[in-house]
C-alpha atoms as a PDB file:
ATOM      1  CA  THR A   1     -20.177  11.301 -21.288  1.00  0.00           C
ATOM      2  CA  TYR A   2     -17.106  13.005 -20.036  1.00  0.00           C
ATOM      3  CA  CYS A   3     -14.494  10.482 -20.885  1.00  0.00           C
ATOM      4  CA  HIS A   4     -10.769  10.103 -22.383  1.00  0.00           C
ATOM      5  CA  GLU A   5     -12.595   9.980 -25.665  1.00  0.00           C
ATOM      6  CA  THR A   6     -15.260  12.925 -25.349  1.00  0.00           C
ATOM      7  CA  VAL A   7     -12.739  14.589 -23.956  1.00  0.00           C
ATOM      8  CA  THR A   8      -9.869  13.837 -27.341  1.00  0.00           C
ATOM      9  CA  ASP A   9     -12.776  14.755 -29.981  1.00  0.00           C
ATOM     10  CA  ALA A  10     -14.277  17.682 -28.420  1.00  0.00           C
ATOM     11  CA  ARG A  11     -10.406  18.788 -28.535  1.00  0.00           C
ATOM     12  CA  LYS A  12     -10.221  18.396 -32.312  1.00  0.00           C
ATOM     13  CA  ASN A  13     -12.941  19.109 -33.023  1.00  0.00           C
ATOM     14  CA  LYS A  14     -11.672  22.780 -30.843  1.00  0.00           C
ATOM     15  CA  LEU A  15     -14.716  22.029 -28.181  1.00  0.00           C
ATOM     16  CA  ASN A  16     -14.336  23.904 -25.220  1.00  0.00           C
ATOM     17  CA  LEU A  17     -16.486  20.999 -23.168  1.00  0.00           C
ATOM     18  CA  VAL A  18     -15.709  22.431 -20.076  1.00  0.00           C
ATOM     19  CA  GLN A  19     -17.844  25.671 -20.958  1.00  0.00           C
ATOM     20  CA  ILE A  20     -19.810  23.194 -22.495  1.00  0.00           C
ATOM     21  CA  ILE A  21     -21.084  21.589 -19.866  1.00  0.00           C
ATOM     22  CA  GLU A  22     -20.971  24.257 -17.021  1.00  0.00           C
ATOM     23  CA  GLU A  23     -23.887  26.360 -19.449  1.00  0.00           C
ATOM     24  CA  CYS A  24     -25.853  23.435 -18.223  1.00  0.00           C
ATOM     25  CA  LYS A  25     -27.531  24.031 -22.100  1.00  0.00           C
ATOM     26  CA  THR A  26     -26.871  21.577 -24.103  1.00  0.00           C
ATOM     27  CA  TYR A  27     -26.219  18.479 -21.838  1.00  0.00           C
ATOM     28  CA  SER A  28     -29.255  17.601 -18.967  1.00  0.00           C
ATOM     29  CA  ILE A  29     -27.516  14.522 -18.190  1.00  0.00           C
ATOM     30  CA  VAL A  30     -23.541  13.764 -17.729  1.00  0.00           C
ATOM     31  CA  CYS A  31     -21.691  10.892 -17.072  1.00  0.00           C
ATOM     32  CA  VAL A  32     -17.579  11.014 -16.253  1.00  0.00           C
ATOM     33  CA  ASP A  33     -15.914   8.508 -15.207  1.00  0.00           C
ATOM     34  CA  PRO A  34     -13.508   7.801 -11.716  1.00  0.00           C
ATOM     35  CA  GLU A  35     -10.188   8.794 -13.941  1.00  0.00           C
ATOM     36  CA  HIS A  36     -11.742  12.380 -14.622  1.00  0.00           C
ATOM     37  CA  LEU A  37     -13.313  13.364 -11.309  1.00  0.00           C
ATOM     38  CA  LEU A  38      -9.826  14.972  -9.994  1.00  0.00           C
ATOM     39  CA  ASN A  39      -9.074  16.129 -13.066  1.00  0.00           C
ATOM     40  CA  MET A  40      -8.188  20.403 -13.047  1.00  0.00           C
ATOM     41  CA  SER A  41     -11.368  20.567 -15.909  1.00  0.00           C
ATOM     42  CA  TRP A  42     -14.188  18.759 -13.772  1.00  0.00           C
ATOM     43  CA  ARG A  43     -13.433  20.571 -10.974  1.00  0.00           C
ATOM     44  CA  GLN A  44     -13.959  24.041 -12.798  1.00  0.00           C
ATOM     45  CA  ILE A  45     -17.321  22.324 -13.902  1.00  0.00           C
ATOM     46  CA  VAL A  46     -18.486  21.380 -10.345  1.00  0.00           C
ATOM     47  CA  ALA A  47     -16.622  24.938  -9.467  1.00  0.00           C
ATOM     48  CA  SER A  48     -19.178  26.202 -11.961  1.00  0.00           C
ATOM     49  CA  ASP A  49     -22.220  28.669 -10.482  1.00  0.00           C
ATOM     50  CA  THR A  50     -24.394  27.682 -13.117  1.00  0.00           C
ATOM     51  CA  PHE A  51     -23.549  24.017 -13.095  1.00  0.00           C
ATOM     52  CA  ARG A  52     -23.992  23.800  -9.605  1.00  0.00           C
ATOM     53  CA  ALA A  53     -27.182  25.414  -9.835  1.00  0.00           C
ATOM     54  CA  ASN A  54     -28.108  23.189 -11.756  1.00  0.00           C
ATOM     55  CA  VAL A  55     -27.005  19.874 -10.697  1.00  0.00           C
ATOM     56  CA  VAL A  56     -30.112  17.685  -8.859  1.00  0.00           C
ATOM     57  CA  TYR A  57     -27.981  14.738  -7.739  1.00  0.00           C
ATOM     58  CA  GLY A  58     -25.428  12.690  -8.363  1.00  0.00           C
ATOM     59  CA  CYS A  59     -25.721   8.876  -8.683  1.00  0.00           C
ATOM     60  CA  ILE A  60     -22.292   5.680  -8.604  1.00  0.00           C
ATOM     61  CA  ASP A  61     -23.407   3.146 -11.753  1.00  0.00           C
ATOM     62  CA  GLU A  62     -22.649  -0.321 -11.366  1.00  0.00           C
ATOM     63  CA  VAL A  63     -21.501   0.188  -7.512  1.00  0.00           C
ATOM     64  CA  HIS A  64     -20.878  -2.745  -6.851  1.00  0.00           C
ATOM     65  CA  LEU A  65     -17.252  -2.580  -8.874  1.00  0.00           C
ATOM     66  CA  VAL A  66     -16.103  -0.582  -6.366  1.00  0.00           C
ATOM     67  CA  ASN A  67     -15.794  -3.288  -3.353  1.00  0.00           C
ATOM     68  CA  GLU A  68     -15.700  -6.057  -6.329  1.00  0.00           C
ATOM     69  CA  TRP A  69     -12.830  -4.416  -7.622  1.00  0.00           C
ATOM     70  CA  GLY A  70     -11.977  -1.798  -5.824  1.00  0.00           C
ATOM     71  CA  GLU A  71      -8.240   0.291  -5.893  1.00  0.00           C
ATOM     72  CA  SER A  72      -6.684  -3.078  -7.872  1.00  0.00           C
ATOM     73  CA  PHE A  73      -9.086  -2.218 -11.496  1.00  0.00           C
ATOM     74  CA  ARG A  74      -9.255   1.139 -11.228  1.00  0.00           C
ATOM     75  CA  PRO A  75      -7.769   2.967  -8.510  1.00  0.00           C
ATOM     76  CA  GLN A  76      -9.012   6.431  -8.605  1.00  0.00           C
ATOM     77  CA  PHE A  77     -13.137   4.080  -7.421  1.00  0.00           C
ATOM     78  CA  LYS A  78     -11.248   5.160  -4.196  1.00  0.00           C
ATOM     79  CA  HIS A  79     -11.617   8.641  -4.765  1.00  0.00           C
ATOM     80  CA  ILE A  80     -15.300   8.737  -5.636  1.00  0.00           C
ATOM     81  CA  GLY A  81     -17.102   8.857  -1.930  1.00  0.00           C
ATOM     82  CA  ALA A  82     -14.587  11.943  -1.319  1.00  0.00           C
ATOM     83  CA  PHE A  83     -15.701  13.411  -4.439  1.00  0.00           C
ATOM     84  CA  LEU A  84     -19.413  13.453  -3.659  1.00  0.00           C
ATOM     85  CA  ARG A  85     -19.394  13.795   0.199  1.00  0.00           C
ATOM     86  CA  GLY A  86     -16.965  17.201  -1.213  1.00  0.00           C
ATOM     87  CA  ARG A  87     -17.290  19.207  -4.382  1.00  0.00           C
ATOM     88  CA  PRO A  88     -21.356  19.021  -5.446  1.00  0.00           C
ATOM     89  CA  PRO A  89     -23.621  21.000  -3.127  1.00  0.00           C
ATOM     90  CA  SER A  90     -24.910  19.355   0.219  1.00  0.00           C
ATOM     91  CA  SER A  91     -28.126  19.756  -1.302  1.00  0.00           C
ATOM     92  CA  VAL A  92     -27.706  17.240  -4.219  1.00  0.00           C
ATOM     93  CA  SER A  93     -29.256  13.716  -3.098  1.00  0.00           C
ATOM     94  CA  ILE A  94     -26.320  10.948  -3.721  1.00  0.00           C
ATOM     95  CA  MET A  95     -27.806   7.567  -5.111  1.00  0.00           C
ATOM     96  CA  GLY A  96     -25.325   3.987  -5.708  1.00  0.00           C
ATOM     97  CA  LEU A  97     -26.846   1.144  -8.290  1.00  0.00           C
ATOM     98  CA  SER A  98     -26.475  -1.760  -9.342  1.00  0.00           C
ATOM     99  CA  ALA A  99     -27.580  -4.522 -11.452  1.00  0.00           C
END
């Protein structure tokens, strides 16, 4: 999971999490929280040719929260759709999951 906690832990342990994710050797699945989608490091990951070549799909978990709680709960929710339409390769399937 690419979130505040894992980014902080990686820094403390002197790991280059961006490079690790870009290489697509360590993780088969990468989850990112909405707060990091527009982060420069995440943009670097998504721009990586290796990462782009290995992306199979994008998924929004708990998608019902986007409309139910929206901007008042987590303002970054409004950027999920634009990110998924504009950053990953056009061949990537997008899905939303809900309980």
